[in-house]
Protein backbone atom coordinates (compact mmCIF):
# COMPACT_ATOMS: atom_id res chain seq x y z
CA MET A 1 0.00 0.00 0.00
CA GLU A 2 2.75 2.38 0.91
CA GLN A 3 4.63 1.40 -2.22
CA ARG A 4 1.61 2.28 -4.41
CA SER A 5 1.26 5.66 -2.73
CA LEU A 6 4.93 6.33 -3.37
CA VAL A 7 4.55 5.41 -7.03
CA GLU A 8 1.48 7.62 -7.39
CA ALA A 9 3.30 10.48 -5.75
CA ILE A 10 6.21 10.06 -8.15
CA VAL A 11 3.83 9.92 -11.11
CA GLN A 12 2.02 13.03 -9.95
CA GLU A 13 5.32 14.85 -9.50
CA ILE A 14 6.43 13.78 -12.98
CA ARG A 15 3.10 15.01 -14.40
CA ARG A 16 3.41 18.30 -12.54
CA VAL A 17 6.96 18.85 -13.76
CA ALA A 18 5.93 17.83 -17.26
CA GLN A 19 2.99 20.23 -17.20
CA GLU A 20 5.16 23.05 -15.92
CA GLU A 21 7.74 22.36 -18.61
CA ALA A 22 5.04 22.15 -21.22
CA GLN A 23 3.65 25.48 -20.05
CA LYS A 24 7.14 27.03 -20.18
CA ILE A 25 7.63 25.71 -23.70
CA LEU A 26 4.21 27.03 -24.70
CA ARG A 27 4.95 30.46 -23.20
CA ARG A 28 8.32 30.58 -24.96
CA ALA A 29 6.65 29.56 -28.20
CA GLU A 30 3.99 32.22 -27.78
CA GLU A 31 6.62 34.84 -26.95
CA GLU A 32 8.72 33.79 -29.94
CA ALA A 33 5.69 33.87 -32.16
CA GLN A 34 4.82 37.35 -30.86
CA ARG A 35 8.40 38.52 -31.43
CA VAL A 36 8.42 37.13 -34.95
CA LEU A 37 5.06 38.76 -35.59
CA GLU A 38 6.26 42.13 -34.31
CA GLU A 39 9.41 41.89 -36.39
CA ALA A 40 7.36 40.97 -39.42
CA LYS A 41 5.06 43.94 -38.82
CA GLU A 42 8.02 46.26 -38.37
CA ARG A 43 9.71 44.94 -41.50
CA ALA A 44 6.49 45.20 -43.48
CA SER A 45 5.95 48.77 -42.22
CA ARG A 46 9.53 49.69 -43.16
CA LEU A 47 9.15 48.16 -46.63
CA ILE A 48 5.87 50.02 -47.13
CA GLU A 49 7.47 53.31 -46.07
CA GLU A 50 10.48 52.71 -48.32
CA ARG A 51 8.19 51.96 -51.24
CA ARG A 52 6.09 55.04 -50.45
CA GLN A 53 9.18 57.24 -50.36
CA ARG A 54 10.46 55.68 -53.59
CA LEU A 55 7.13 56.29 -55.31
CA LEU A 56 7.06 59.88 -54.03
CA GLU A 57 10.57 60.47 -55.34
CA GLU A 58 9.64 58.99 -58.72
CA VAL A 59 6.55 61.19 -58.88
CA ARG A 60 8.59 64.25 -57.85
CA LYS A 61 11.21 63.58 -60.53
CA LYS A 62 8.54 63.02 -63.15
CA VAL A 63 6.73 66.23 -62.23
CA LEU A 64 10.00 68.19 -62.26
CA SER A 65 11.02 66.71 -65.62
CA GLU A 66 7.64 67.70 -67.06
CA LEU A 67 7.72 71.17 -65.51
CA ALA A 68 11.37 71.94 -66.33
CA PRO A 69 10.77 72.93 -69.98
CA ARG A 70 7.76 75.01 -68.98
CA LYS A 71 9.73 76.67 -66.17
CA LEU A 72 12.58 77.44 -68.57
CA GLU A 73 10.11 78.80 -71.10
CA LEU A 74 8.51 81.06 -68.46
CA ARG A 75 11.93 82.25 -67.30
CA HIS A 76 12.95 83.11 -70.85
CA LYS A 77 9.66 84.90 -71.39
CA MET A 78 10.09 86.86 -68.17
CA LEU A 79 13.67 87.84 -69.08
CA LEU A 80 12.57 88.85 -72.57
CA GLU A 81 9.81 91.04 -71.13
CA LYS A 82 12.25 92.63 -68.69
CA HIS A 83 14.81 93.18 -71.43
CA THR A 84 12.17 94.79 -73.64
CA LEU A 85 11.09 97.02 -70.76
CA VAL A 86 14.69 97.99 -69.97
CA VAL A 87 15.46 98.81 -73.61
CA SER A 88 12.30 100.89 -73.81
CA GLU A 89 13.17 102.78 -70.61
CA VAL A 90 16.75 103.42 -71.70
CA ASN A 91 15.58 104.62 -75.11
CA SER A 92 13.10 106.95 -73.43
CA LEU A 93 15.75 108.36 -71.10
CA ILE A 94 18.20 108.90 -73.95
CA ALA A 95 15.49 110.56 -76.04
CA GLU A 96 14.68 112.87 -73.11
CA VAL A 97 18.34 113.83 -72.67
CA ILE A 98 18.81 114.45 -76.41
CA SER A 99 15.61 116.50 -76.51
CA GLU A 100 16.81 118.53 -73.54
CA ILE A 101 20.19 119.17 -75.19
CA ARG A 102 18.62 120.14 -78.53
CA GLY A 103 16.02 122.30 -76.79
CA ASP A 104 18.59 124.35 -74.87
CA PRO A 105 20.87 126.40 -77.20
CA GLN A 106 23.55 126.77 -74.52
CA LYS A 107 23.66 123.06 -73.72
CA TYR A 108 23.74 122.16 -77.41
CA ARG A 109 26.60 124.60 -78.02
CA GLU A 110 28.49 123.05 -75.10
CA TYR A 111 27.88 119.60 -76.54
CA LEU A 112 29.30 120.68 -79.93
CA MET A 113 32.35 122.21 -78.23
CA GLU A 114 32.94 118.99 -76.28
CA ALA A 115 32.50 116.95 -79.47
CA LEU A 116 35.18 119.02 -81.20
CA ARG A 117 37.58 118.62 -78.25
CA ALA A 118 37.06 114.85 -78.28
CA ALA A 119 37.57 114.68 -82.05
CA VAL A 120 40.82 116.67 -81.92
CA SER A 121 42.11 114.42 -79.14
CA SER A 122 41.19 111.27 -81.06
CA ILE A 123 42.36 112.13 -84.59
CA ALA A 124 46.09 112.60 -85.09
CA ALA A 125 45.97 114.87 -88.14
CA SER A 126 47.06 118.39 -88.94
CA SER A 127 43.86 119.25 -90.79
CA LEU A 128 40.29 118.27 -89.92
CA VAL A 129 36.93 118.73 -91.62
CA VAL A 130 33.77 119.16 -89.52
CA HIS A 131 30.50 118.05 -91.12
CA PRO A 132 27.36 119.54 -89.52
CA CYS A 133 23.89 118.01 -89.62
CA LYS A 134 21.45 119.42 -92.17
CA GLY A 135 20.23 122.91 -91.26
CA GLU A 136 22.99 123.55 -88.68
CA ARG A 137 25.85 124.84 -90.81
CA GLU A 138 25.74 128.41 -89.49
CA LEU A 139 25.64 127.24 -85.87
CA VAL A 140 28.52 124.80 -86.36
CA GLU A 141 30.57 127.48 -88.16
CA ARG A 142 30.19 129.78 -85.15
CA VAL A 143 31.12 127.03 -82.71
CA VAL A 144 34.12 125.98 -84.84
CA GLY A 145 35.24 129.60 -84.98
CA GLU A 146 35.13 129.87 -81.18
CA PHE A 147 36.88 126.52 -80.83
CA LYS A 148 39.71 127.57 -83.17
CA GLU A 149 40.56 130.44 -80.84
CA SER A 150 41.37 127.95 -78.08
CA LEU A 151 43.54 125.75 -80.32
CA GLY A 152 46.28 128.15 -81.20
CA GLY A 153 46.15 127.26 -84.90
CA SER A 154 46.67 123.49 -84.81
CA PRO A 155 45.06 121.42 -86.14
CA GLU A 156 43.38 123.36 -88.90
CA LEU A 157 39.58 123.12 -88.88
CA ALA A 158 37.22 123.58 -91.82
CA VAL A 159 33.46 123.14 -92.03
CA GLY A 160 32.44 120.65 -94.72
CA GLU A 161 29.12 119.81 -96.36
CA GLU A 162 26.05 119.03 -94.31
CA ILE A 163 25.09 115.40 -93.69
CA GLY A 164 21.89 113.64 -92.69
CA CYS A 165 21.76 113.35 -88.89
CA SER A 166 19.63 114.54 -85.99
CA GLY A 167 22.26 116.63 -84.24
CA GLY A 168 25.97 116.84 -83.51
CA VAL A 169 28.82 116.61 -86.01
CA VAL A 170 31.06 114.16 -87.83
CA VAL A 171 34.75 115.11 -87.86
CA ARG A 172 37.22 113.54 -90.28
CA SER A 173 40.83 113.97 -91.25
CA SER A 174 41.26 116.00 -94.43
CA ASP A 175 42.40 112.87 -96.30
CA GLY A 176 39.20 111.06 -95.23
CA ARG A 177 41.04 108.16 -93.61
CA VAL A 178 39.90 108.74 -90.02
CA TYR A 179 36.41 109.65 -88.82
CA PHE A 180 35.05 110.70 -85.45
CA ASN A 181 31.28 110.34 -85.16
CA ALA A 182 29.96 112.81 -82.60
CA THR A 183 26.35 112.89 -83.78
CA LEU A 184 23.64 112.55 -81.16
CA ASP A 185 22.51 109.34 -82.84
CA ALA A 186 25.96 107.83 -82.42
CA LYS A 187 26.12 109.03 -78.82
CA ALA A 188 22.77 107.36 -78.11
CA VAL A 189 24.04 104.06 -79.54
CA GLU A 190 27.25 104.37 -77.51
CA VAL A 191 25.32 104.92 -74.28
CA LYS A 192 23.03 101.93 -74.96
CA GLU A 193 25.98 99.66 -75.78
CA ARG A 194 27.66 100.67 -72.54
CA VAL A 195 24.64 100.63 -70.22
CA LEU A 196 22.37 97.83 -71.44
CA PRO A 197 24.78 94.88 -70.94
CA ARG A 198 25.30 95.85 -67.29
CA VAL A 199 21.57 96.25 -66.72
CA PHE A 200 20.80 92.93 -68.43
CA GLU A 201 23.42 91.20 -66.27
CA LYS A 202 21.77 92.50 -63.10
CA VAL A 203 18.32 91.44 -64.34
CA ALA A 204 19.59 87.93 -65.14
CA ARG A 205 21.20 87.58 -61.68
CA ARG A 206 18.00 88.60 -59.92
CA ALA A 207 15.96 86.17 -62.03
CA LYS A 208 17.97 83.14 -60.88
């Protein structure tokens, strides 16, 4: 009787230990399964995010590639409009200055005197011919006469035939080899060639 009780006790203990071990194994399995599941979820979430970012980047590049020509076209159009506006403004300013010079006899006389000084400095010749614009021969003759007094006789200056221009003079060497264009038209072109490139450069920098 005692022997049977001992055997039953041993069996019960073995069952208890076995059950405890089985429960431990089950818990470990459940924990492992949960860990694997969490890792799988995390990996899946990461893959989804990577794919989303990749798709967004592809869409962004596609949109930019499609918009780039349009953006360049708009930029060129904007620069062209600004250039046109600048040219128009510069032309207007030059026209105003020329009109002011032509409208003031004293200023126009001073301009002609300065033109003669510049021509004499630029042309290395002993004899020069000054061509006035149409309708201004008498005025230019008076100015040349006054200018001669300050030269001391060299170079010699003579007034030639009138030419078609809107104001100013053209001075040439007597042999016709060297010309100095001091007409108001030429001065306007000179100012535009000097000013416009600098203005356009500033406009282009600001447009970037």
